[in-house]
Amino acid sequence: MFSVIVLSKNNGRTIGYTLLSLLRAKVPSGYSREIIVVDAKSSDNTPKILSAFRKFIKVVYDEGRGIGIARNIGVSSSRGDIICFVDADCVVSEDHFLRIISAFEGGADIVDVKGSLFSGGTIIEKMESLVWLKGRAYSEELTRNRCFAGGAFISFRREVFEKIGGFWEYPPYGGDDLDFSYRGYLAGFKIKVVDVPGTYSRPRRGVRELFKQQMGWGKGYAHIIAKYRHDMRFWKCYRWNHAIYRILNGVIFLYPILAALAAPLRGFIMAIRLRELHFLPYWVLRRWAFLLGILTELRRAFATQRVFV
């Protein structure tokens, strides 16, 4: 059996499409599937949508105290030997689980999914889709001997979860996926990227939603910086230019902050390369919201986050 876990908090606009795609997805031969929704007591129309799917899903609740806590609740409530997370703003293709299970049967322990470009939508949605399709995150360089797996579709064997102690429960925002998958990598588990056409994550629609998302990710990344600031293995996983490691050396953890500060230059270069003039203001907004999140949380992160050695 494999377990599909969806985390939900006021996702009424998208979760219905997510659940429909899960039910339409093929189940690999020899496997059974369960679908679990961990709902943070949503106050929008999410409960009504979940009720409509009650024959096909199991709903458990958490208090909305953080994404890592919600992930741990979902895994603890599941029965599968393989755990497949799907965000509540994502749609999976019919072959989504066929390809993921095939990767596990091929020896993977943690699976990261590279999906398709989201078509249509607002300018923000189009630009965000381009970042994930054309950016470094799923480049050939970072796919080889991968150290990380993204949270939208992260999948893993239950033994990974049990051996490394699950997801962090603090802080309550982003970074849990990087932390979890990196600890799995250090424990000797193999991470593989699977290309799944037709699977996609719907980006934030507007400026306010994008700003809120990126600031939350930045706050979580502040804790990544604090936790792994002395672990050169972590930073080498990004495979930045060798000169960056030589110049920054003992303070390499500052590079993400410096790179975010340089967003106008990077955005200009990418706008020219992509032939999308809208990309420059979008990229500056995205990166500086992320930077603001880091700077807002960094002092607390250094005071509370235990250093990984």
C-alpha atoms as a PDB file:
ATOM      1  CA  MET A   1       0.000   0.000   0.000  1.00  0.00           C
ATOM      2  CA  PHE A   2       1.024   3.597  -0.566  1.00  0.00           C
ATOM      3  CA  SER A   3      -0.469   6.567   1.241  1.00  0.00           C
ATOM      4  CA  VAL A   4      -1.236   9.904  -0.393  1.00  0.00           C
ATOM      5  CA  ILE A   5      -1.288  12.798   2.076  1.00  0.00           C
ATOM      6  CA  VAL A   6      -2.704  16.240   1.322  1.00  0.00           C
ATOM      7  CA  LEU A   7      -2.169  19.146   3.720  1.00  0.00           C
ATOM      8  CA  SER A   8      -5.026  21.618   3.720  1.00  0.00           C
ATOM      9  CA  LYS A   9      -5.645  25.042   5.189  1.00  0.00           C
ATOM     10  CA  ASN A  10      -8.290  27.179   3.470  1.00  0.00           C
ATOM     11  CA  ASN A  11      -7.547  25.694   0.035  1.00  0.00           C
ATOM     12  CA  GLY A  12     -11.161  25.691  -1.102  1.00  0.00           C
ATOM     13  CA  ARG A  13     -10.253  27.224  -4.467  1.00  0.00           C
ATOM     14  CA  THR A  14      -8.019  24.341  -5.495  1.00  0.00           C
ATOM     15  CA  ILE A  15      -8.387  21.252  -3.286  1.00  0.00           C
ATOM     16  CA  GLY A  16     -11.361  19.867  -5.198  1.00  0.00           C
ATOM     17  CA  TYR A  17      -9.269  19.690  -8.368  1.00  0.00           C
ATOM     18  CA  THR A  18      -6.446  18.103  -6.399  1.00  0.00           C
ATOM     19  CA  LEU A  19      -8.639  15.342  -5.005  1.00  0.00           C
ATOM     20  CA  LEU A  20     -10.281  14.665  -8.379  1.00  0.00           C
ATOM     21  CA  SER A  21      -6.863  14.234  -9.973  1.00  0.00           C
ATOM     22  CA  LEU A  22      -5.797  11.861  -7.194  1.00  0.00           C
ATOM     23  CA  LEU A  23      -8.856   9.683  -7.718  1.00  0.00           C
ATOM     24  CA  ARG A  24      -8.292   9.613 -11.475  1.00  0.00           C
ATOM     25  CA  ALA A  25      -4.600   8.708 -11.146  1.00  0.00           C
ATOM     26  CA  LYS A  26      -3.689   5.112 -11.908  1.00  0.00           C
ATOM     27  CA  VAL A  27      -2.742   2.774  -9.083  1.00  0.00           C
ATOM     28  CA  PRO A  28       0.286   0.578  -9.883  1.00  0.00           C
ATOM     29  CA  SER A  29      -0.388  -3.126 -10.209  1.00  0.00           C
ATOM     30  CA  GLY A  30      -0.002  -4.948  -6.913  1.00  0.00           C
ATOM     31  CA  TYR A  31      -0.604  -1.826  -4.806  1.00  0.00           C
ATOM     32  CA  SER A  32      -3.543  -0.323  -2.990  1.00  0.00           C
ATOM     33  CA  ARG A  33      -3.915   3.354  -2.112  1.00  0.00           C
ATOM     34  CA  GLU A  34      -5.289   5.456   0.692  1.00  0.00           C
ATOM     35  CA  ILE A  35      -5.834   9.226   0.563  1.00  0.00           C
ATOM     36  CA  ILE A  36      -5.521  11.236   3.765  1.00  0.00           C
ATOM     37  CA  VAL A  37      -6.258  14.943   4.118  1.00  0.00           C
ATOM     38  CA  VAL A  38      -4.754  16.730   7.106  1.00  0.00           C
ATOM     39  CA  ASP A  39      -6.934  19.802   7.537  1.00  0.00           C
ATOM     40  CA  ALA A  40      -5.927  22.694   9.801  1.00  0.00           C
ATOM     41  CA  LYS A  41      -9.579  23.362  10.658  1.00  0.00           C
ATOM     42  CA  SER A  42     -10.190  25.410   7.519  1.00  0.00           C
ATOM     43  CA  SER A  43     -12.660  28.274   7.787  1.00  0.00           C
ATOM     44  CA  ASP A  44     -13.475  28.641   4.076  1.00  0.00           C
ATOM     45  CA  ASN A  45     -15.438  26.189   1.907  1.00  0.00           C
ATOM     46  CA  THR A  46     -12.808  23.431   2.309  1.00  0.00           C
ATOM     47  CA  PRO A  47     -14.890  21.404   4.839  1.00  0.00           C
ATOM     48  CA  LYS A  48     -17.797  21.304   2.377  1.00  0.00           C
ATOM     49  CA  ILE A  49     -15.527  20.035  -0.396  1.00  0.00           C
ATOM     50  CA  LEU A  50     -13.960  17.407   1.860  1.00  0.00           C
ATOM     51  CA  SER A  51     -17.435  16.231   2.834  1.00  0.00           C
ATOM     52  CA  ALA A  52     -18.256  15.653  -0.840  1.00  0.00           C
ATOM     53  CA  PHE A  53     -15.249  13.296  -1.075  1.00  0.00           C
ATOM     54  CA  ARG A  54     -15.827  11.553   2.262  1.00  0.00           C
ATOM     55  CA  LYS A  55     -16.345   8.118   0.636  1.00  0.00           C
ATOM     56  CA  PHE A  56     -12.890   8.231  -0.910  1.00  0.00           C
ATOM     57  CA  ILE A  57     -10.691   9.979   1.640  1.00  0.00           C
ATOM     58  CA  LYS A  58      -9.833   9.990   5.326  1.00  0.00           C
ATOM     59  CA  VAL A  59      -9.745  13.388   7.029  1.00  0.00           C
ATOM     60  CA  VAL A  60      -7.688  14.066  10.141  1.00  0.00           C
ATOM     61  CA  TYR A  61      -7.236  17.418  11.822  1.00  0.00           C
ATOM     62  CA  ASP A  62      -4.452  19.469  13.292  1.00  0.00           C
ATOM     63  CA  GLU A  63      -4.418  22.844  15.003  1.00  0.00           C
ATOM     64  CA  GLY A  64      -2.580  24.673  12.237  1.00  0.00           C
ATOM     65  CA  ARG A  65       0.577  24.986  14.322  1.00  0.00           C
ATOM     66  CA  GLY A  66       2.987  24.327  11.482  1.00  0.00           C
ATOM     67  CA  ILE A  67       3.578  22.396   8.273  1.00  0.00           C
ATOM     68  CA  GLY A  68       6.066  19.971   9.861  1.00  0.00           C
ATOM     69  CA  ILE A  69       3.565  19.039  12.562  1.00  0.00           C
ATOM     70  CA  ALA A  70       0.874  18.533   9.929  1.00  0.00           C
ATOM     71  CA  ARG A  71       3.173  16.276   7.880  1.00  0.00           C
ATOM     72  CA  ASN A  72       3.998  14.172  10.934  1.00  0.00           C
ATOM     73  CA  ILE A  73       0.299  13.833  11.789  1.00  0.00           C
ATOM     74  CA  GLY A  74      -0.412  12.699   8.233  1.00  0.00           C
ATOM     75  CA  VAL A  75       2.321  10.061   8.258  1.00  0.00           C
ATOM     76  CA  SER A  76       1.310   8.836  11.716  1.00  0.00           C
ATOM     77  CA  SER A  77      -2.291   8.462  10.498  1.00  0.00           C
ATOM     78  CA  SER A  78      -1.286   6.495   7.403  1.00  0.00           C
ATOM     79  CA  ARG A  79      -0.696   2.795   6.810  1.00  0.00           C
ATOM     80  CA  GLY A  80       1.363   2.729   3.616  1.00  0.00           C
ATOM     81  CA  ASP A  81       4.964   1.628   3.280  1.00  0.00           C
ATOM     82  CA  ILE A  82       5.387   4.468   0.797  1.00  0.00           C
ATOM     83  CA  ILE A  83       4.267   8.021   1.595  1.00  0.00           C
ATOM     84  CA  CYS A  84       3.386  10.457  -1.205  1.00  0.00           C
ATOM     85  CA  PHE A  85       2.654  14.077  -0.327  1.00  0.00           C
ATOM     86  CA  VAL A  86       0.650  16.213  -2.736  1.00  0.00           C
ATOM     87  CA  ASP A  87       0.006  19.885  -1.958  1.00  0.00           C
ATOM     88  CA  ALA A  88      -3.598  21.079  -1.979  1.00  0.00           C
ATOM     89  CA  ASP A  89      -2.913  23.434  -4.896  1.00  0.00           C
ATOM     90  CA  CYS A  90      -1.494  20.704  -7.145  1.00  0.00           C
ATOM     91  CA  VAL A  91      -2.892  18.451  -9.843  1.00  0.00           C
ATOM     92  CA  VAL A  92      -1.358  15.051 -10.629  1.00  0.00           C
ATOM     93  CA  SER A  93      -1.361  13.262 -13.960  1.00  0.00           C
ATOM     94  CA  GLU A  94      -2.798   9.782 -14.513  1.00  0.00           C
ATOM     95  CA  ASP A  95       0.744   8.363 -14.503  1.00  0.00           C
ATOM     96  CA  HIS A  96       1.934  10.280 -11.431  1.00  0.00           C
ATOM     97  CA  PHE A  97       2.028   7.358  -9.009  1.00  0.00           C
ATOM     98  CA  LEU A  98       3.093   4.856 -11.671  1.00  0.00           C
ATOM     99  CA  ARG A  99       6.296   6.831 -12.174  1.00  0.00           C
ATOM    100  CA  ILE A 100       6.899   7.412  -8.474  1.00  0.00           C
ATOM    101  CA  ILE A 101       6.427   3.753  -7.544  1.00  0.00           C
ATOM    102  CA  SER A 102       8.645   2.741 -10.470  1.00  0.00           C
ATOM    103  CA  ALA A 103      11.394   4.957  -9.033  1.00  0.00           C
ATOM    104  CA  PHE A 104      11.063   3.246  -5.649  1.00  0.00           C
ATOM    105  CA  GLU A 105      11.190  -0.169  -7.293  1.00  0.00           C
ATOM    106  CA  GLY A 106      14.344   1.029  -9.049  1.00  0.00           C
ATOM    107  CA  GLY A 107      16.060   1.691  -5.726  1.00  0.00           C
ATOM    108  CA  ALA A 108      15.060   5.231  -4.728  1.00  0.00           C
ATOM    109  CA  ASP A 109      14.258   5.980  -1.081  1.00  0.00           C
ATOM    110  CA  ILE A 110      13.097   9.584  -1.506  1.00  0.00           C
ATOM    111  CA  VAL A 111      11.490  10.874  -4.692  1.00  0.00           C
ATOM    112  CA  ASP A 112      11.267  14.456  -5.913  1.00  0.00           C
ATOM    113  CA  VAL A 113       8.922  15.235  -8.807  1.00  0.00           C
ATOM    114  CA  LYS A 114       9.606  17.610 -11.662  1.00  0.00           C
ATOM    115  CA  GLY A 115       6.226  18.463 -13.105  1.00  0.00           C
ATOM    116  CA  SER A 116       4.941  20.388 -16.102  1.00  0.00           C
ATOM    117  CA  LEU A 117       4.523  24.076 -16.803  1.00  0.00           C
ATOM    118  CA  PHE A 118       1.227  25.473 -15.555  1.00  0.00           C
ATOM    119  CA  SER A 119      -0.556  26.907 -18.600  1.00  0.00           C
ATOM    120  CA  GLY A 120      -2.777  29.963 -18.440  1.00  0.00           C
ATOM    121  CA  GLY A 121      -3.497  32.111 -15.437  1.00  0.00           C
ATOM    122  CA  THR A 122      -2.133  35.485 -14.380  1.00  0.00           C
ATOM    123  CA  ILE A 123       1.249  37.039 -15.193  1.00  0.00           C
ATOM    124  CA  ILE A 124       2.489  36.024 -11.735  1.00  0.00           C
ATOM    125  CA  GLU A 125       1.428  32.417 -12.310  1.00  0.00           C
ATOM    126  CA  LYS A 126       3.177  32.308 -15.688  1.00  0.00           C
ATOM    127  CA  MET A 127       6.405  33.781 -14.325  1.00  0.00           C
ATOM    128  CA  GLU A 128       6.433  31.410 -11.338  1.00  0.00           C
ATOM    129  CA  SER A 129       5.936  28.429 -13.627  1.00  0.00           C
ATOM    130  CA  LEU A 130       8.916  29.548 -15.711  1.00  0.00           C
ATOM    131  CA  VAL A 131      11.113  29.662 -12.608  1.00  0.00           C
ATOM    132  CA  TRP A 132      10.459  26.005 -11.831  1.00  0.00           C
ATOM    133  CA  LEU A 133      10.708  24.927 -15.467  1.00  0.00           C
ATOM    134  CA  LYS A 134      13.791  26.922 -16.479  1.00  0.00           C
ATOM    135  CA  GLY A 135      15.591  27.547 -13.172  1.00  0.00           C
ATOM    136  CA  ARG A 136      18.426  25.626 -11.496  1.00  0.00           C
ATOM    137  CA  ALA A 137      16.273  23.609  -9.100  1.00  0.00           C
ATOM    138  CA  TYR A 138      15.800  20.781 -11.595  1.00  0.00           C
ATOM    139  CA  SER A 139      18.842  21.328 -13.776  1.00  0.00           C
ATOM    140  CA  GLU A 140      20.922  18.341 -14.790  1.00  0.00           C
ATOM    141  CA  GLU A 141      23.688  19.544 -12.465  1.00  0.00           C
ATOM    142  CA  LEU A 142      21.459  19.492  -9.374  1.00  0.00           C
ATOM    143  CA  THR A 143      19.629  16.318 -10.358  1.00  0.00           C
ATOM    144  CA  ARG A 144      22.766  14.177 -10.182  1.00  0.00           C
ATOM    145  CA  ASN A 145      23.544  12.885  -6.687  1.00  0.00           C
ATOM    146  CA  ARG A 146      20.695  15.009  -5.362  1.00  0.00           C
ATOM    147  CA  CYS A 147      20.676  16.109  -1.715  1.00  0.00           C
ATOM    148  CA  PHE A 148      17.205  17.700  -1.501  1.00  0.00           C
ATOM    149  CA  ALA A 149      13.582  17.019  -2.421  1.00  0.00           C
ATOM    150  CA  GLY A 150      10.861  19.660  -2.756  1.00  0.00           C
ATOM    151  CA  GLY A 151       7.800  19.444  -0.539  1.00  0.00           C
ATOM    152  CA  ALA A 152       4.956  19.811  -3.069  1.00  0.00           C
ATOM    153  CA  PHE A 153       5.279  16.182  -4.203  1.00  0.00           C
ATOM    154  CA  ILE A 154       7.873  14.712  -1.834  1.00  0.00           C
ATOM    155  CA  SER A 155       7.555  10.928  -1.510  1.00  0.00           C
ATOM    156  CA  PHE A 156       9.564   8.518   0.617  1.00  0.00           C
ATOM    157  CA  ARG A 157       9.688   5.081   2.154  1.00  0.00           C
ATOM    158  CA  ARG A 158       8.278   4.905   5.661  1.00  0.00           C
ATOM    159  CA  GLU A 159      11.622   3.627   6.925  1.00  0.00           C
ATOM    160  CA  VAL A 160      13.187   6.975   5.980  1.00  0.00           C
ATOM    161  CA  PHE A 161      10.670   8.816   8.162  1.00  0.00           C
ATOM    162  CA  GLU A 162      11.216   6.427  11.052  1.00  0.00           C
ATOM    163  CA  LYS A 163      15.007   6.430  10.892  1.00  0.00           C
ATOM    164  CA  ILE A 164      15.547  10.211  10.758  1.00  0.00           C
ATOM    165  CA  GLY A 165      12.720  11.115  13.143  1.00  0.00           C
ATOM    166  CA  GLY A 166      10.191  12.742  10.841  1.00  0.00           C
ATOM    167  CA  PHE A 167       9.856  16.404   9.909  1.00  0.00           C
ATOM    168  CA  TRP A 168      10.893  19.285  12.125  1.00  0.00           C
ATOM    169  CA  GLU A 169       8.039  20.721  14.171  1.00  0.00           C
ATOM    170  CA  TYR A 170       9.583  24.148  14.528  1.00  0.00           C
ATOM    171  CA  PRO A 171       9.568  26.593  12.780  1.00  0.00           C
ATOM    172  CA  PRO A 172       5.935  26.502  11.577  1.00  0.00           C
ATOM    173  CA  TYR A 173       6.716  27.575   8.001  1.00  0.00           C
ATOM    174  CA  GLY A 174       8.822  26.499   5.025  1.00  0.00           C
ATOM    175  CA  GLY A 175      12.166  24.675   5.044  1.00  0.00           C
ATOM    176  CA  ASP A 176      10.831  21.392   6.435  1.00  0.00           C
ATOM    177  CA  ASP A 177      11.264  19.650   3.067  1.00  0.00           C
ATOM    178  CA  LEU A 178      14.906  20.716   2.675  1.00  0.00           C
ATOM    179  CA  ASP A 179      15.718  19.710   6.227  1.00  0.00           C
ATOM    180  CA  PHE A 180      13.953  16.336   5.989  1.00  0.00           C
ATOM    181  CA  SER A 181      15.388  15.302   2.647  1.00  0.00           C
ATOM    182  CA  TYR A 182      18.924  16.447   3.508  1.00  0.00           C
ATOM    183  CA  ARG A 183      18.900  14.458   6.753  1.00  0.00           C
ATOM    184  CA  GLY A 184      17.682  11.493   4.716  1.00  0.00           C
ATOM    185  CA  TYR A 185      20.539  12.027   2.266  1.00  0.00           C
ATOM    186  CA  LEU A 186      23.083  12.102   5.098  1.00  0.00           C
ATOM    187  CA  ALA A 187      21.583   8.894   6.505  1.00  0.00           C
ATOM    188  CA  GLY A 188      22.444   7.161   3.231  1.00  0.00           C
ATOM    189  CA  PHE A 189      19.044   7.179   1.556  1.00  0.00           C
ATOM    190  CA  LYS A 190      18.966   7.693  -2.201  1.00  0.00           C
ATOM    191  CA  ILE A 191      17.082  10.682  -3.623  1.00  0.00           C
ATOM    192  CA  LYS A 192      15.847  10.568  -7.204  1.00  0.00           C
ATOM    193  CA  VAL A 193      14.110  13.153  -9.383  1.00  0.00           C
ATOM    194  CA  VAL A 194      11.250  11.840 -11.526  1.00  0.00           C
ATOM    195  CA  ASP A 195       9.907  13.753 -14.512  1.00  0.00           C
ATOM    196  CA  VAL A 196       6.095  13.486 -14.564  1.00  0.00           C
ATOM    197  CA  PRO A 197       4.439  15.297 -17.499  1.00  0.00           C
ATOM    198  CA  GLY A 198       0.936  16.520 -16.707  1.00  0.00           C
ATOM    199  CA  THR A 199       1.573  16.939 -12.988  1.00  0.00           C
ATOM    200  CA  TYR A 200       1.782  20.550 -11.896  1.00  0.00           C
ATOM    201  CA  SER A 201       1.617  22.881  -8.939  1.00  0.00           C
ATOM    202  CA  ARG A 202      -0.585  25.923  -9.390  1.00  0.00           C
ATOM    203  CA  PRO A 203       1.430  29.049  -8.459  1.00  0.00           C
ATOM    204  CA  ARG A 204       0.155  31.986  -6.457  1.00  0.00           C
ATOM    205  CA  ARG A 205      -2.134  34.191  -8.551  1.00  0.00           C
ATOM    206  CA  GLY A 206      -1.245  37.700  -7.457  1.00  0.00           C
ATOM    207  CA  VAL A 207       1.313  39.953  -5.817  1.00  0.00           C
ATOM    208  CA  ARG A 208      -0.101  39.662  -2.294  1.00  0.00           C
ATOM    209  CA  GLU A 209      -0.248  35.840  -2.392  1.00  0.00           C
ATOM    210  CA  LEU A 210       3.254  35.590  -3.867  1.00  0.00           C
ATOM    211  CA  PHE A 211       4.669  38.000  -1.288  1.00  0.00           C
ATOM    212  CA  LYS A 212       3.120  36.052   1.595  1.00  0.00           C
ATOM    213  CA  GLN A 213       4.374  32.721   0.253  1.00  0.00           C
ATOM    214  CA  GLN A 214       7.935  33.901  -0.362  1.00  0.00           C
ATOM    215  CA  MET A 215       8.177  35.661   2.975  1.00  0.00           C
ATOM    216  CA  GLY A 216       7.066  32.442   4.699  1.00  0.00           C
ATOM    217  CA  TRP A 217       9.668  30.477   2.767  1.00  0.00           C
ATOM    218  CA  GLY A 218      12.269  33.058   3.768  1.00  0.00           C
ATOM    219  CA  LYS A 219      11.393  32.694   7.438  1.00  0.00           C
ATOM    220  CA  GLY A 220      11.815  28.949   7.169  1.00  0.00           C
ATOM    221  CA  TYR A 221      15.098  29.367   5.291  1.00  0.00           C
ATOM    222  CA  ALA A 222      16.419  31.542   8.118  1.00  0.00           C
ATOM    223  CA  HIS A 223      16.224  28.415  10.280  1.00  0.00           C
ATOM    224  CA  ILE A 224      17.985  26.400   7.559  1.00  0.00           C
ATOM    225  CA  ILE A 225      20.787  28.973   7.625  1.00  0.00           C
ATOM    226  CA  ALA A 226      20.992  28.874  11.410  1.00  0.00           C
ATOM    227  CA  LYS A 227      20.898  25.085  11.635  1.00  0.00           C
ATOM    228  CA  TYR A 228      23.384  24.297   8.865  1.00  0.00           C
ATOM    229  CA  ARG A 229      25.670  27.353   9.005  1.00  0.00           C
ATOM    230  CA  HIS A 230      28.680  25.218   9.972  1.00  0.00           C
ATOM    231  CA  ASP A 231      27.868  22.243   7.713  1.00  0.00           C
ATOM    232  CA  MET A 232      29.802  22.791   4.471  1.00  0.00           C
ATOM    233  CA  ARG A 233      28.340  19.554   3.072  1.00  0.00           C
ATOM    234  CA  PHE A 234      24.909  21.185   3.025  1.00  0.00           C
ATOM    235  CA  TRP A 235      26.045  24.267   1.105  1.00  0.00           C
ATOM    236  CA  LYS A 236      28.084  22.254  -1.376  1.00  0.00           C
ATOM    237  CA  CYS A 237      24.882  20.463  -2.351  1.00  0.00           C
ATOM    238  CA  TYR A 238      23.886  23.649  -4.204  1.00  0.00           C
ATOM    239  CA  ARG A 239      26.968  23.342  -6.448  1.00  0.00           C
ATOM    240  CA  TRP A 240      27.512  27.059  -6.761  1.00  0.00           C
ATOM    241  CA  ASN A 241      30.494  28.442  -8.631  1.00  0.00           C
ATOM    242  CA  HIS A 242      33.758  27.339  -7.006  1.00  0.00           C
ATOM    243  CA  ALA A 243      34.809  30.973  -6.582  1.00  0.00           C
ATOM    244  CA  ILE A 244      31.847  31.572  -4.257  1.00  0.00           C
ATOM    245  CA  TYR A 245      33.033  28.860  -1.883  1.00  0.00           C
ATOM    246  CA  ARG A 246      36.615  30.180  -1.948  1.00  0.00           C
ATOM    247  CA  ILE A 247      35.620  33.797  -1.314  1.00  0.00           C
ATOM    248  CA  LEU A 248      33.012  33.223   1.403  1.00  0.00           C
ATOM    249  CA  ASN A 249      34.565  30.086   2.884  1.00  0.00           C
ATOM    250  CA  GLY A 250      33.533  30.071   6.581  1.00  0.00           C
ATOM    251  CA  VAL A 251      30.517  32.329   5.990  1.00  0.00           C
ATOM    252  CA  ILE A 252      29.109  30.545   2.947  1.00  0.00           C
ATOM    253  CA  PHE A 253      25.687  30.556   4.630  1.00  0.00           C
ATOM    254  CA  LEU A 254      25.520  34.291   3.818  1.00  0.00           C
ATOM    255  CA  TYR A 255      25.454  33.632   0.079  1.00  0.00           C
ATOM    256  CA  PRO A 256      21.658  33.121  -0.190  1.00  0.00           C
ATOM    257  CA  ILE A 257      21.220  36.555   1.421  1.00  0.00           C
ATOM    258  CA  LEU A 258      23.723  38.179  -0.930  1.00  0.00           C
ATOM    259  CA  ALA A 259      22.144  36.469  -3.942  1.00  0.00           C
ATOM    260  CA  ALA A 260      18.710  37.745  -2.939  1.00  0.00           C
ATOM    261  CA  LEU A 261      20.100  41.278  -2.595  1.00  0.00           C
ATOM    262  CA  ALA A 262      21.396  40.992  -6.165  1.00  0.00           C
ATOM    263  CA  ALA A 263      17.938  40.090  -7.492  1.00  0.00           C
ATOM    264  CA  PRO A 264      17.717  43.073  -9.919  1.00  0.00           C
ATOM    265  CA  LEU A 265      20.849  41.941 -11.765  1.00  0.00           C
ATOM    266  CA  ARG A 266      19.829  38.289 -11.879  1.00  0.00           C
ATOM    267  CA  GLY A 267      16.283  39.223 -12.887  1.00  0.00           C
ATOM    268  CA  PHE A 268      17.536  41.387 -15.754  1.00  0.00           C
ATOM    269  CA  ILE A 269      19.731  38.576 -17.099  1.00  0.00           C
ATOM    270  CA  MET A 270      16.902  36.033 -16.879  1.00  0.00           C
ATOM    271  CA  ALA A 271      14.388  38.441 -18.448  1.00  0.00           C
ATOM    272  CA  ILE A 272      16.670  38.798 -21.470  1.00  0.00           C
ATOM    273  CA  ARG A 273      17.318  35.075 -21.696  1.00  0.00           C
ATOM    274  CA  LEU A 274      13.617  34.180 -21.381  1.00  0.00           C
ATOM    275  CA  ARG A 275      12.524  37.111 -23.553  1.00  0.00           C
ATOM    276  CA  GLU A 276       9.992  38.046 -20.891  1.00  0.00           C
ATOM    277  CA  LEU A 277      10.189  41.698 -19.809  1.00  0.00           C
ATOM    278  CA  HIS A 278       7.674  40.994 -17.024  1.00  0.00           C
ATOM    279  CA  PHE A 279      10.208  38.725 -15.408  1.00  0.00           C
ATOM    280  CA  LEU A 280      12.394  41.495 -13.957  1.00  0.00           C
ATOM    281  CA  PRO A 281       9.860  43.158 -11.601  1.00  0.00           C
ATOM    282  CA  TYR A 282       8.380  39.761 -10.754  1.00  0.00           C
ATOM    283  CA  TRP A 283      11.780  38.330  -9.833  1.00  0.00           C
ATOM    284  CA  VAL A 284      12.773  41.321  -7.690  1.00  0.00           C
ATOM    285  CA  LEU A 285       9.475  41.101  -5.791  1.00  0.00           C
ATOM    286  CA  ARG A 286       9.875  37.353  -5.311  1.00  0.00           C
ATOM    287  CA  ARG A 287      13.476  37.424  -4.118  1.00  0.00           C
ATOM    288  CA  TRP A 288      13.151  40.479  -1.899  1.00  0.00           C
ATOM    289  CA  ALA A 289      10.051  39.060  -0.206  1.00  0.00           C
ATOM    290  CA  PHE A 290      12.128  35.919   0.459  1.00  0.00           C
ATOM    291  CA  LEU A 291      14.962  38.109   1.755  1.00  0.00           C
ATOM    292  CA  LEU A 292      12.606  40.029   4.026  1.00  0.00           C
ATOM    293  CA  GLY A 293      11.431  36.742   5.492  1.00  0.00           C
ATOM    294  CA  ILE A 294      15.025  35.690   6.186  1.00  0.00           C
ATOM    295  CA  LEU A 295      15.984  38.991   7.792  1.00  0.00           C
ATOM    296  CA  THR A 296      12.790  39.117   9.855  1.00  0.00           C
ATOM    297  CA  GLU A 297      13.392  35.661  11.332  1.00  0.00           C
ATOM    298  CA  LEU A 298      17.182  35.317  11.342  1.00  0.00           C
ATOM    299  CA  ARG A 299      17.805  36.635  14.834  1.00  0.00           C
ATOM    300  CA  ARG A 300      15.200  34.293  16.319  1.00  0.00           C
ATOM    301  CA  ALA A 301      16.535  31.402  14.245  1.00  0.00           C
ATOM    302  CA  PHE A 302      20.078  31.874  15.541  1.00  0.00           C
ATOM    303  CA  ALA A 303      18.738  32.089  19.090  1.00  0.00           C
ATOM    304  CA  THR A 304      16.520  28.996  18.943  1.00  0.00           C
ATOM    305  CA  GLN A 305      17.760  26.682  16.194  1.00  0.00           C
ATOM    306  CA  ARG A 306      20.133  23.951  17.269  1.00  0.00           C
ATOM    307  CA  VAL A 307      23.273  23.915  15.118  1.00  0.00           C
ATOM    308  CA  PHE A 308      23.686  20.746  13.053  1.00  0.00           C
ATOM    309  CA  VAL A 309      27.130  19.167  13.258  1.00  0.00           C
END
